[in-house]
Amino acid sequence: MTEQRNSWQLQQISATAGGSVATPEASSQTVRKPYPNYKVIVLNDDFNTFEHVVNCLVRYIPGMVSDRAWNLADQIHHEGLATVWTGPLEQAELYHMQLTLEGLTMAPLETA
């Protein structure tokens, strides 16, 4: 009822003022931001063997093949770290936890 009265009052004011009243248009567009991706990063250490790192990557990282895992293990050894997976936070947390439980030295998750 109040909305009808307010609408009627607005029309009366507009008519008596001899002009039109500009009303702001409501935006119907919703801006959707994608969720950020996170990087799972393995760090070099002095106690995990290449073979152990490779086996863990193949076991826990989806789609990881042995050749790619060996290249990443080499990168970890020579550069000190390697990003082994990038994707949504929930999955990144899972892979990070699994690799940590296997004894790999992990960097904290960070946004990609």
PDB file of N, CA and C in Angstrom:
ATOM      1  N   MET A   1       0.820  -1.183   0.000  1.00  0.00           N
ATOM      2  CA  MET A   1       0.000   0.000   0.000  1.00  0.00           C
ATOM      3  C   MET A   1       0.863   1.245   0.000  1.00  0.00           C
ATOM      4  N   THR A   2       1.907   1.244   0.818  1.00  0.00           N
ATOM      5  CA  THR A   2       2.791   2.399   0.894  1.00  0.00           C
ATOM      6  C   THR A   2       3.486   2.635  -0.435  1.00  0.00           C
ATOM      7  N   GLU A   3       3.882   1.546  -1.109  1.00  0.00           N
ATOM      8  CA  GLU A   3       4.547   1.686  -2.397  1.00  0.00           C
ATOM      9  C   GLU A   3       3.619   2.347  -3.413  1.00  0.00           C
ATOM     10  N   GLN A   4       2.340   1.975  -3.402  1.00  0.00           N
ATOM     11  CA  GLN A   4       1.386   2.578  -4.327  1.00  0.00           C
ATOM     12  C   GLN A   4       1.230   4.070  -4.028  1.00  0.00           C
ATOM     13  N   ARG A   5       1.145   4.440  -2.769  1.00  0.00           N
ATOM     14  CA  ARG A   5       0.988   5.834  -2.383  1.00  0.00           C
ATOM     15  C   ARG A   5       2.231   6.634  -2.801  1.00  0.00           C
ATOM     16  N   ASN A   6       3.422   6.069  -2.568  1.00  0.00           N
ATOM     17  CA  ASN A   6       4.654   6.757  -2.953  1.00  0.00           C
ATOM     18  C   ASN A   6       4.728   6.942  -4.461  1.00  0.00           C
ATOM     19  N   SER A   7       4.305   5.931  -5.209  1.00  0.00           N
ATOM     20  CA  SER A   7       4.290   6.038  -6.662  1.00  0.00           C
ATOM     21  C   SER A   7       3.313   7.115  -7.114  1.00  0.00           C
ATOM     22  N   TRP A   8       2.139   7.136  -6.480  1.00  0.00           N
ATOM     23  CA  TRP A   8       1.134   8.138  -6.830  1.00  0.00           C
ATOM     24  C   TRP A   8       1.647   9.542  -6.490  1.00  0.00           C
ATOM     25  N   GLN A   9       2.281   9.709  -5.323  1.00  0.00           N
ATOM     26  CA  GLN A   9       2.821  11.010  -4.933  1.00  0.00           C
ATOM     27  C   GLN A   9       3.895  11.461  -5.914  1.00  0.00           C
ATOM     28  N   LEU A  10       4.733  10.538  -6.352  1.00  0.00           N
ATOM     29  CA  LEU A  10       5.775  10.874  -7.303  1.00  0.00           C
ATOM     30  C   LEU A  10       5.170  11.344  -8.620  1.00  0.00           C
ATOM     31  N   GLN A  11       4.096  10.702  -9.060  1.00  0.00           N
ATOM     32  CA  GLN A  11       3.426  11.121 -10.285  1.00  0.00           C
ATOM     33  C   GLN A  11       2.817  12.511 -10.118  1.00  0.00           C
ATOM     34  N   GLN A  12       2.229  12.795  -8.957  1.00  0.00           N
ATOM     35  CA  GLN A  12       1.629  14.102  -8.697  1.00  0.00           C
ATOM     36  C   GLN A  12       2.684  15.200  -8.689  1.00  0.00           C
ATOM     37  N   ILE A  13       3.816  14.932  -8.042  1.00  0.00           N
ATOM     38  CA  ILE A  13       4.892  15.918  -8.001  1.00  0.00           C
ATOM     39  C   ILE A  13       5.394  16.180  -9.403  1.00  0.00           C
ATOM     40  N   SER A  14       5.552  15.132 -10.179  1.00  0.00           N
ATOM     41  CA  SER A  14       6.025  15.265 -11.541  1.00  0.00           C
ATOM     42  C   SER A  14       5.044  16.087 -12.374  1.00  0.00           C
ATOM     43  N   ALA A  15       3.765  15.808 -12.235  1.00  0.00           N
ATOM     44  CA  ALA A  15       2.745  16.523 -13.011  1.00  0.00           C
ATOM     45  C   ALA A  15       2.681  17.990 -12.621  1.00  0.00           C
ATOM     46  N   THR A  16       2.769  18.306 -11.335  1.00  0.00           N
ATOM     47  CA  THR A  16       2.677  19.699 -10.901  1.00  0.00           C
ATOM     48  C   THR A  16       3.950  20.463 -11.194  1.00  0.00           C
ATOM     49  N   ALA A  17       5.084  19.781 -11.289  1.00  0.00           N
ATOM     50  CA  ALA A  17       6.332  20.468 -11.574  1.00  0.00           C
ATOM     51  C   ALA A  17       6.481  20.731 -13.058  1.00  0.00           C
ATOM     52  N   GLY A  18       5.628  20.130 -13.860  1.00  0.00           N
ATOM     53  CA  GLY A  18       5.664  20.357 -15.297  1.00  0.00           C
ATOM     54  C   GLY A  18       6.811  19.645 -15.987  1.00  0.00           C
ATOM     55  N   GLY A  19       7.357  18.678 -15.382  1.00  0.00           N
ATOM     56  CA  GLY A  19       8.480  17.959 -15.991  1.00  0.00           C
ATOM     57  C   GLY A  19       8.461  16.506 -15.594  1.00  0.00           C
ATOM     58  N   SER A  20       9.533  15.885 -15.921  1.00  0.00           N
ATOM     59  CA  SER A  20       9.626  14.471 -15.578  1.00  0.00           C
ATOM     60  C   SER A  20      10.674  14.291 -14.485  1.00  0.00           C
ATOM     61  N   VAL A  21      10.507  13.242 -13.762  1.00  0.00           N
ATOM     62  CA  VAL A  21      11.433  12.924 -12.684  1.00  0.00           C
ATOM     63  C   VAL A  21      12.313  11.774 -13.156  1.00  0.00           C
ATOM     64  N   ALA A  22      13.606  11.987 -13.037  1.00  0.00           N
ATOM     65  CA  ALA A  22      14.542  10.937 -13.440  1.00  0.00           C
ATOM     66  C   ALA A  22      14.737   9.988 -12.268  1.00  0.00           C
ATOM     67  N   THR A  23      14.490   8.739 -12.529  1.00  0.00           N
ATOM     68  CA  THR A  23      14.708   7.735 -11.502  1.00  0.00           C
ATOM     69  C   THR A  23      15.869   6.854 -11.944  1.00  0.00           C
ATOM     70  N   PRO A  24      16.732   6.482 -11.023  1.00  0.00           N
ATOM     71  CA  PRO A  24      17.865   5.636 -11.405  1.00  0.00           C
ATOM     72  C   PRO A  24      17.385   4.249 -11.822  1.00  0.00           C
ATOM     73  N   GLU A  25      18.038   3.715 -12.841  1.00  0.00           N
ATOM     74  CA  GLU A  25      17.683   2.379 -13.303  1.00  0.00           C
ATOM     75  C   GLU A  25      18.466   1.350 -12.499  1.00  0.00           C
ATOM     76  N   ALA A  26      17.785   0.314 -12.143  1.00  0.00           N
ATOM     77  CA  ALA A  26      18.433  -0.767 -11.408  1.00  0.00           C
ATOM     78  C   ALA A  26      19.257  -1.596 -12.378  1.00  0.00           C
ATOM     79  N   SER A  27      20.461  -1.926 -11.997  1.00  0.00           N
ATOM     80  CA  SER A  27      21.316  -2.747 -12.834  1.00  0.00           C
ATOM     81  C   SER A  27      20.910  -4.214 -12.667  1.00  0.00           C
ATOM     82  N   SER A  28      20.693  -4.871 -13.773  1.00  0.00           N
ATOM     83  CA  SER A  28      20.308  -6.272 -13.704  1.00  0.00           C
ATOM     84  C   SER A  28      21.500  -7.188 -13.950  1.00  0.00           C
ATOM     85  N   GLN A  29      22.683  -6.615 -14.173  1.00  0.00           N
ATOM     86  CA  GLN A  29      23.862  -7.430 -14.419  1.00  0.00           C
ATOM     87  C   GLN A  29      24.549  -7.777 -13.107  1.00  0.00           C
ATOM     88  N   THR A  30      24.929  -9.012 -13.007  1.00  0.00           N
ATOM     89  CA  THR A  30      25.688  -9.471 -11.854  1.00  0.00           C
ATOM     90  C   THR A  30      27.115  -9.711 -12.311  1.00  0.00           C
ATOM     91  N   VAL A  31      28.051  -9.103 -11.625  1.00  0.00           N
ATOM     92  CA  VAL A  31      29.447  -9.301 -11.967  1.00  0.00           C
ATOM     93  C   VAL A  31      29.945 -10.521 -11.213  1.00  0.00           C
ATOM     94  N   ARG A  32      30.413 -11.482 -11.963  1.00  0.00           N
ATOM     95  CA  ARG A  32      30.897 -12.718 -11.351  1.00  0.00           C
ATOM     96  C   ARG A  32      32.400 -12.800 -11.531  1.00  0.00           C
ATOM     97  N   LYS A  33      33.082 -12.912 -10.418  1.00  0.00           N
ATOM     98  CA  LYS A  33      34.523 -13.079 -10.459  1.00  0.00           C
ATOM     99  C   LYS A  33      34.836 -14.559 -10.322  1.00  0.00           C
ATOM    100  N   PRO A  34      35.796 -15.038 -11.100  1.00  0.00           N
ATOM    101  CA  PRO A  34      36.157 -16.450 -10.942  1.00  0.00           C
ATOM    102  C   PRO A  34      36.887 -16.647  -9.618  1.00  0.00           C
ATOM    103  N   TYR A  35      36.754 -17.840  -9.068  1.00  0.00           N
ATOM    104  CA  TYR A  35      37.497 -18.160  -7.862  1.00  0.00           C
ATOM    105  C   TYR A  35      38.980 -18.191  -8.205  1.00  0.00           C
ATOM    106  N   PRO A  36      39.829 -17.747  -7.294  1.00  0.00           N
ATOM    107  CA  PRO A  36      41.263 -17.778  -7.602  1.00  0.00           C
ATOM    108  C   PRO A  36      41.801 -19.208  -7.573  1.00  0.00           C
ATOM    109  N   ASN A  37      42.833 -19.423  -8.345  1.00  0.00           N
ATOM    110  CA  ASN A  37      43.527 -20.705  -8.319  1.00  0.00           C
ATOM    111  C   ASN A  37      44.689 -20.615  -7.340  1.00  0.00           C
ATOM    112  N   TYR A  38      45.112 -21.761  -6.850  1.00  0.00           N
ATOM    113  CA  TYR A  38      46.213 -21.835  -5.891  1.00  0.00           C
ATOM    114  C   TYR A  38      47.288 -22.774  -6.409  1.00  0.00           C
ATOM    115  N   LYS A  39      48.530 -22.480  -6.053  1.00  0.00           N
ATOM    116  CA  LYS A  39      49.673 -23.278  -6.487  1.00  0.00           C
ATOM    117  C   LYS A  39      50.122 -24.217  -5.363  1.00  0.00           C
ATOM    118  N   VAL A  40      50.351 -25.465  -5.734  1.00  0.00           N
ATOM    119  CA  VAL A  40      50.943 -26.445  -4.834  1.00  0.00           C
ATOM    120  C   VAL A  40      52.428 -26.503  -5.206  1.00  0.00           C
ATOM    121  N   ILE A  41      53.282 -26.112  -4.258  1.00  0.00           N
ATOM    122  CA  ILE A  41      54.710 -25.971  -4.526  1.00  0.00           C
ATOM    123  C   ILE A  41      55.494 -26.912  -3.616  1.00  0.00           C
ATOM    124  N   VAL A  42      56.341 -27.718  -4.241  1.00  0.00           N
ATOM    125  CA  VAL A  42      57.230 -28.614  -3.498  1.00  0.00           C
ATOM    126  C   VAL A  42      58.609 -27.960  -3.428  1.00  0.00           C
ATOM    127  N   LEU A  43      59.201 -27.997  -2.225  1.00  0.00           N
ATOM    128  CA  LEU A  43      60.524 -27.402  -1.996  1.00  0.00           C
ATOM    129  C   LEU A  43      61.596 -28.483  -1.955  1.00  0.00           C
ATOM    130  N   ASN A  44      62.808 -28.089  -2.302  1.00  0.00           N
ATOM    131  CA  ASN A  44      63.946 -28.996  -2.213  1.00  0.00           C
ATOM    132  C   ASN A  44      64.307 -29.242  -0.748  1.00  0.00           C
ATOM    133  N   ASP A  45      64.786 -30.419  -0.469  1.00  0.00           N
ATOM    134  CA  ASP A  45      65.289 -30.727   0.871  1.00  0.00           C
ATOM    135  C   ASP A  45      66.430 -31.735   0.735  1.00  0.00           C
ATOM    136  N   ASP A  46      67.037 -32.087   1.849  1.00  0.00           N
ATOM    137  CA  ASP A  46      68.190 -32.983   1.819  1.00  0.00           C
ATOM    138  C   ASP A  46      67.863 -34.430   2.175  1.00  0.00           C
ATOM    139  N   PHE A  47      66.604 -34.754   2.338  1.00  0.00           N
ATOM    140  CA  PHE A  47      66.275 -36.110   2.773  1.00  0.00           C
ATOM    141  C   PHE A  47      65.323 -36.870   1.865  1.00  0.00           C
ATOM    142  N   ASN A  48      64.565 -36.239   0.985  1.00  0.00           N
ATOM    143  CA  ASN A  48      63.690 -36.987   0.072  1.00  0.00           C
ATOM    144  C   ASN A  48      64.440 -37.309  -1.212  1.00  0.00           C
ATOM    145  N   THR A  49      64.331 -38.562  -1.629  1.00  0.00           N
ATOM    146  CA  THR A  49      65.002 -38.983  -2.865  1.00  0.00           C
ATOM    147  C   THR A  49      64.169 -38.568  -4.079  1.00  0.00           C
ATOM    148  N   PHE A  50      64.845 -38.528  -5.226  1.00  0.00           N
ATOM    149  CA  PHE A  50      64.137 -38.246  -6.475  1.00  0.00           C
ATOM    150  C   PHE A  50      62.999 -39.245  -6.656  1.00  0.00           C
ATOM    151  N   GLU A  51      63.284 -40.502  -6.430  1.00  0.00           N
ATOM    152  CA  GLU A  51      62.289 -41.559  -6.645  1.00  0.00           C
ATOM    153  C   GLU A  51      61.064 -41.364  -5.741  1.00  0.00           C
ATOM    154  N   HIS A  52      61.298 -41.011  -4.491  1.00  0.00           N
ATOM    155  CA  HIS A  52      60.175 -40.794  -3.572  1.00  0.00           C
ATOM    156  C   HIS A  52      59.312 -39.616  -4.040  1.00  0.00           C
ATOM    157  N   VAL A  53      59.957 -38.530  -4.446  1.00  0.00           N
ATOM    158  CA  VAL A  53      59.216 -37.356  -4.935  1.00  0.00           C
ATOM    159  C   VAL A  53      58.392 -37.740  -6.160  1.00  0.00           C
ATOM    160  N   VAL A  54      59.013 -38.424  -7.094  1.00  0.00           N
ATOM    161  CA  VAL A  54      58.319 -38.839  -8.328  1.00  0.00           C
ATOM    162  C   VAL A  54      57.132 -39.731  -7.994  1.00  0.00           C
ATOM    163  N   ASN A  55      57.327 -40.719  -7.134  1.00  0.00           N
ATOM    164  CA  ASN A  55      56.231 -41.629  -6.773  1.00  0.00           C
ATOM    165  C   ASN A  55      55.072 -40.874  -6.122  1.00  0.00           C
ATOM    166  N   CYS A  56      55.381 -39.922  -5.253  1.00  0.00           N
ATOM    167  CA  CYS A  56      54.326 -39.137  -4.594  1.00  0.00           C
ATOM    168  C   CYS A  56      53.554 -38.291  -5.604  1.00  0.00           C
ATOM    169  N   LEU A  57      54.264 -37.650  -6.510  1.00  0.00           N
ATOM    170  CA  LEU A  57      53.590 -36.803  -7.502  1.00  0.00           C
ATOM    171  C   LEU A  57      52.664 -37.633  -8.391  1.00  0.00           C
ATOM    172  N   VAL A  58      53.154 -38.784  -8.841  1.00  0.00           N
ATOM    173  CA  VAL A  58      52.338 -39.649  -9.703  1.00  0.00           C
ATOM    174  C   VAL A  58      51.131 -40.176  -8.935  1.00  0.00           C
ATOM    175  N   ARG A  59      51.312 -40.492  -7.649  1.00  0.00           N
ATOM    176  CA  ARG A  59      50.233 -41.062  -6.845  1.00  0.00           C
ATOM    177  C   ARG A  59      49.147 -40.028  -6.523  1.00  0.00           C
ATOM    178  N   TYR A  60      49.517 -38.794  -6.228  1.00  0.00           N
ATOM    179  CA  TYR A  60      48.546 -37.855  -5.678  1.00  0.00           C
ATOM    180  C   TYR A  60      48.113 -36.720  -6.611  1.00  0.00           C
ATOM    181  N   ILE A  61      48.909 -36.384  -7.593  1.00  0.00           N
ATOM    182  CA  ILE A  61      48.546 -35.272  -8.482  1.00  0.00           C
ATOM    183  C   ILE A  61      47.830 -35.839  -9.709  1.00  0.00           C
ATOM    184  N   PRO A  62      46.567 -35.435  -9.922  1.00  0.00           N
ATOM    185  CA  PRO A  62      45.791 -35.982 -11.051  1.00  0.00           C
ATOM    186  C   PRO A  62      46.470 -35.713 -12.395  1.00  0.00           C
ATOM    187  N   GLY A  63      46.507 -36.740 -13.214  1.00  0.00           N
ATOM    188  CA  GLY A  63      47.051 -36.604 -14.561  1.00  0.00           C
ATOM    189  C   GLY A  63      48.570 -36.560 -14.628  1.00  0.00           C
ATOM    190  N   MET A  64      49.236 -36.699 -13.487  1.00  0.00           N
ATOM    191  CA  MET A  64      50.702 -36.660 -13.469  1.00  0.00           C
ATOM    192  C   MET A  64      51.250 -37.972 -14.025  1.00  0.00           C
ATOM    193  N   VAL A  65      52.147 -37.837 -14.979  1.00  0.00           N
ATOM    194  CA  VAL A  65      52.810 -39.009 -15.556  1.00  0.00           C
ATOM    195  C   VAL A  65      54.260 -39.015 -15.100  1.00  0.00           C
ATOM    196  N   SER A  66      54.873 -40.153 -15.194  1.00  0.00           N
ATOM    197  CA  SER A  66      56.225 -40.346 -14.672  1.00  0.00           C
ATOM    198  C   SER A  66      57.239 -39.361 -15.280  1.00  0.00           C
ATOM    199  N   ASP A  67      57.197 -39.176 -16.592  1.00  0.00           N
ATOM    200  CA  ASP A  67      58.158 -38.268 -17.240  1.00  0.00           C
ATOM    201  C   ASP A  67      58.042 -36.849 -16.705  1.00  0.00           C
ATOM    202  N   ARG A  68      56.820 -36.370 -16.553  1.00  0.00           N
ATOM    203  CA  ARG A  68      56.599 -35.020 -16.029  1.00  0.00           C
ATOM    204  C   ARG A  68      57.055 -34.947 -14.568  1.00  0.00           C
ATOM    205  N   ALA A  69      56.785 -35.972 -13.788  1.00  0.00           N
ATOM    206  CA  ALA A  69      57.190 -35.999 -12.383  1.00  0.00           C
ATOM    207  C   ALA A  69      58.714 -35.969 -12.258  1.00  0.00           C
ATOM    208  N   TRP A  70      59.427 -36.700 -13.135  1.00  0.00           N
ATOM    209  CA  TRP A  70      60.899 -36.668 -13.100  1.00  0.00           C
ATOM    210  C   TRP A  70      61.417 -35.276 -13.454  1.00  0.00           C
ATOM    211  N   ASN A  71      60.796 -34.624 -14.428  1.00  0.00           N
ATOM    212  CA  ASN A  71      61.205 -33.256 -14.786  1.00  0.00           C
ATOM    213  C   ASN A  71      60.980 -32.298 -13.620  1.00  0.00           C
ATOM    214  N   LEU A  72      59.851 -32.444 -12.927  1.00  0.00           N
ATOM    215  CA  LEU A  72      59.569 -31.594 -11.769  1.00  0.00           C
ATOM    216  C   LEU A  72      60.550 -31.869 -10.628  1.00  0.00           C
ATOM    217  N   ALA A  73      60.867 -33.149 -10.399  1.00  0.00           N
ATOM    218  CA  ALA A  73      61.841 -33.498  -9.353  1.00  0.00           C
ATOM    219  C   ALA A  73      63.199 -32.876  -9.672  1.00  0.00           C
ATOM    220  N   ASP A  74      63.588 -32.898 -10.927  1.00  0.00           N
ATOM    221  CA  ASP A  74      64.838 -32.264 -11.349  1.00  0.00           C
ATOM    222  C   ASP A  74      64.791 -30.753 -11.116  1.00  0.00           C
ATOM    223  N   GLN A  75      63.654 -30.137 -11.447  1.00  0.00           N
ATOM    224  CA  GLN A  75      63.482 -28.697 -11.217  1.00  0.00           C
ATOM    225  C   GLN A  75      63.551 -28.371  -9.721  1.00  0.00           C
ATOM    226  N   ILE A  76      62.915 -29.192  -8.903  1.00  0.00           N
ATOM    227  CA  ILE A  76      62.958 -28.995  -7.454  1.00  0.00           C
ATOM    228  C   ILE A  76      64.408 -29.041  -6.966  1.00  0.00           C
ATOM    229  N   HIS A  77      65.161 -30.014  -7.463  1.00  0.00           N
ATOM    230  CA  HIS A  77      66.545 -30.181  -7.030  1.00  0.00           C
ATOM    231  C   HIS A  77      67.427 -29.000  -7.460  1.00  0.00           C
ATOM    232  N   HIS A  78      67.287 -28.568  -8.710  1.00  0.00           N
ATOM    233  CA  HIS A  78      68.179 -27.534  -9.250  1.00  0.00           C
ATOM    234  C   HIS A  78      67.739 -26.106  -8.945  1.00  0.00           C
ATOM    235  N   GLU A  79      66.424 -25.869  -8.898  1.00  0.00           N
ATOM    236  CA  GLU A  79      65.935 -24.499  -8.676  1.00  0.00           C
ATOM    237  C   GLU A  79      65.427 -24.262  -7.252  1.00  0.00           C
ATOM    238  N   GLY A  80      65.306 -25.328  -6.479  1.00  0.00           N
ATOM    239  CA  GLY A  80      64.878 -25.189  -5.097  1.00  0.00           C
ATOM    240  C   GLY A  80      63.386 -25.368  -4.875  1.00  0.00           C
ATOM    241  N   LEU A  81      62.603 -25.338  -5.963  1.00  0.00           N
ATOM    242  CA  LEU A  81      61.154 -25.528  -5.841  1.00  0.00           C
ATOM    243  C   LEU A  81      60.541 -25.747  -7.211  1.00  0.00           C
ATOM    244  N   ALA A  82      59.324 -26.249  -7.199  1.00  0.00           N
ATOM    245  CA  ALA A  82      58.557 -26.403  -8.438  1.00  0.00           C
ATOM    246  C   ALA A  82      57.074 -26.388  -8.105  1.00  0.00           C
ATOM    247  N   THR A  83      56.312 -25.734  -8.956  1.00  0.00           N
ATOM    248  CA  THR A  83      54.855 -25.771  -8.844  1.00  0.00           C
ATOM    249  C   THR A  83      54.393 -27.055  -9.516  1.00  0.00           C
ATOM    250  N   VAL A  84      53.801 -27.937  -8.721  1.00  0.00           N
ATOM    251  CA  VAL A  84      53.426 -29.255  -9.243  1.00  0.00           C
ATOM    252  C   VAL A  84      51.961 -29.345  -9.632  1.00  0.00           C
ATOM    253  N   TRP A  85      51.160 -28.377  -9.179  1.00  0.00           N
ATOM    254  CA  TRP A  85      49.731 -28.372  -9.531  1.00  0.00           C
ATOM    255  C   TRP A  85      49.170 -26.991  -9.257  1.00  0.00           C
ATOM    256  N   THR A  86      48.218 -26.552 -10.084  1.00  0.00           N
ATOM    257  CA  THR A  86      47.522 -25.281  -9.895  1.00  0.00           C
ATOM    258  C   THR A  86      46.042 -25.513 -10.122  1.00  0.00           C
ATOM    259  N   GLY A  87      45.208 -24.973  -9.194  1.00  0.00           N
ATOM    260  CA  GLY A  87      43.768 -25.136  -9.349  1.00  0.00           C
ATOM    261  C   GLY A  87      43.019 -24.619  -8.141  1.00  0.00           C
ATOM    262  N   PRO A  88      41.745 -25.016  -8.008  1.00  0.00           N
ATOM    263  CA  PRO A  88      40.885 -24.525  -6.923  1.00  0.00           C
ATOM    264  C   PRO A  88      41.435 -24.847  -5.532  1.00  0.00           C
ATOM    265  N   LEU A  89      41.107 -23.988  -4.573  1.00  0.00           N
ATOM    266  CA  LEU A  89      41.647 -24.077  -3.219  1.00  0.00           C
ATOM    267  C   LEU A  89      41.399 -25.432  -2.554  1.00  0.00           C
ATOM    268  N   GLU A  90      40.181 -25.927  -2.629  1.00  0.00           N
ATOM    269  CA  GLU A  90      39.857 -27.163  -1.918  1.00  0.00           C
ATOM    270  C   GLU A  90      40.719 -28.332  -2.386  1.00  0.00           C
ATOM    271  N   GLN A  91      40.904 -28.449  -3.700  1.00  0.00           N
ATOM    272  CA  GLN A  91      41.751 -29.515  -4.230  1.00  0.00           C
ATOM    273  C   GLN A  91      43.214 -29.260  -3.886  1.00  0.00           C
ATOM    274  N   ALA A  92      43.632 -27.999  -3.968  1.00  0.00           N
ATOM    275  CA  ALA A  92      45.018 -27.659  -3.640  1.00  0.00           C
ATOM    276  C   ALA A  92      45.323 -28.038  -2.195  1.00  0.00           C
ATOM    277  N   GLU A  93      44.378 -27.784  -1.296  1.00  0.00           N
ATOM    278  CA  GLU A  93      44.569 -28.155   0.114  1.00  0.00           C
ATOM    279  C   GLU A  93      44.735 -29.667   0.270  1.00  0.00           C
ATOM    280  N   LEU A  94      43.928 -30.424  -0.471  1.00  0.00           N
ATOM    281  CA  LEU A  94      44.015 -31.885  -0.401  1.00  0.00           C
ATOM    282  C   LEU A  94      45.383 -32.373  -0.869  1.00  0.00           C
ATOM    283  N   TYR A  95      45.831 -31.927  -2.059  1.00  0.00           N
ATOM    284  CA  TYR A  95      47.112 -32.395  -2.602  1.00  0.00           C
ATOM    285  C   TYR A  95      48.269 -31.946  -1.708  1.00  0.00           C
ATOM    286  N   HIS A  96      48.175 -30.731  -1.188  1.00  0.00           N
ATOM    287  CA  HIS A  96      49.208 -30.212  -0.288  1.00  0.00           C
ATOM    288  C   HIS A  96      49.309 -31.093   0.960  1.00  0.00           C
ATOM    289  N   MET A  97      48.175 -31.435   1.534  1.00  0.00           N
ATOM    290  CA  MET A  97      48.151 -32.268   2.735  1.00  0.00           C
ATOM    291  C   MET A  97      48.712 -33.670   2.437  1.00  0.00           C
ATOM    292  N   GLN A  98      48.292 -34.258   1.316  1.00  0.00           N
ATOM    293  CA  GLN A  98      48.752 -35.600   0.976  1.00  0.00           C
ATOM    294  C   GLN A  98      50.265 -35.639   0.786  1.00  0.00           C
ATOM    295  N   LEU A  99      50.803 -34.655   0.085  1.00  0.00           N
ATOM    296  CA  LEU A  99      52.249 -34.618  -0.152  1.00  0.00           C
ATOM    297  C   LEU A  99      53.006 -34.358   1.153  1.00  0.00           C
ATOM    298  N   THR A 100      52.437 -33.511   2.007  1.00  0.00           N
ATOM    299  CA  THR A 100      53.043 -33.240   3.313  1.00  0.00           C
ATOM    300  C   THR A 100      53.086 -34.514   4.154  1.00  0.00           C
ATOM    301  N   LEU A 101      51.981 -35.271   4.164  1.00  0.00           N
ATOM    302  CA  LEU A 101      51.933 -36.515   4.933  1.00  0.00           C
ATOM    303  C   LEU A 101      52.933 -37.562   4.422  1.00  0.00           C
ATOM    304  N   GLU A 102      53.309 -37.447   3.159  1.00  0.00           N
ATOM    305  CA  GLU A 102      54.310 -38.363   2.587  1.00  0.00           C
ATOM    306  C   GLU A 102      55.731 -37.897   2.906  1.00  0.00           C
ATOM    307  N   GLY A 103      55.848 -36.735   3.567  1.00  0.00           N
ATOM    308  CA  GLY A 103      57.164 -36.259   3.982  1.00  0.00           C
ATOM    309  C   GLY A 103      57.817 -35.249   3.062  1.00  0.00           C
ATOM    310  N   LEU A 104      57.126 -34.846   2.004  1.00  0.00           N
ATOM    311  CA  LEU A 104      57.717 -33.836   1.123  1.00  0.00           C
ATOM    312  C   LEU A 104      57.707 -32.480   1.827  1.00  0.00           C
ATOM    313  N   THR A 105      58.691 -31.669   1.506  1.00  0.00           N
ATOM    314  CA  THR A 105      58.770 -30.324   2.075  1.00  0.00           C
ATOM    315  C   THR A 105      57.969 -29.399   1.175  1.00  0.00           C
ATOM    316  N   MET A 106      56.962 -28.758   1.757  1.00  0.00           N
ATOM    317  CA  MET A 106      55.996 -27.983   0.979  1.00  0.00           C
ATOM    318  C   MET A 106      56.059 -26.501   1.335  1.00  0.00           C
ATOM    319  N   ALA A 107      55.883 -25.655   0.332  1.00  0.00           N
ATOM    320  CA  ALA A 107      55.683 -24.236   0.571  1.00  0.00           C
ATOM    321  C   ALA A 107      54.218 -24.024   0.927  1.00  0.00           C
ATOM    322  N   PRO A 108      53.884 -22.945   1.631  1.00  0.00           N
ATOM    323  CA  PRO A 108      52.471 -22.662   1.879  1.00  0.00           C
ATOM    324  C   PRO A 108      51.740 -22.452   0.545  1.00  0.00           C
ATOM    325  N   LEU A 109      50.456 -22.759   0.521  1.00  0.00           N
ATOM    326  CA  LEU A 109      49.669 -22.502  -0.686  1.00  0.00           C
ATOM    327  C   LEU A 109      49.673 -21.011  -0.971  1.00  0.00           C
ATOM    328  N   GLU A 110      49.756 -20.673  -2.247  1.00  0.00           N
ATOM    329  CA  GLU A 110      49.687 -19.264  -2.628  1.00  0.00           C
ATOM    330  C   GLU A 110      48.837 -19.113  -3.886  1.00  0.00           C
ATOM    331  N   THR A 111      48.253 -17.931  -4.041  1.00  0.00           N
ATOM    332  CA  THR A 111      47.397 -17.714  -5.202  1.00  0.00           C
ATOM    333  C   THR A 111      48.227 -17.696  -6.474  1.00  0.00           C
ATOM    334  N   ALA A 112      47.634 -18.228  -7.522  1.00  0.00           N
ATOM    335  CA  ALA A 112      48.332 -18.318  -8.813  1.00  0.00           C
ATOM    336  C   ALA A 112      48.254 -17.013  -9.559  1.00  0.00           C
TER     337      ALA A 112
END
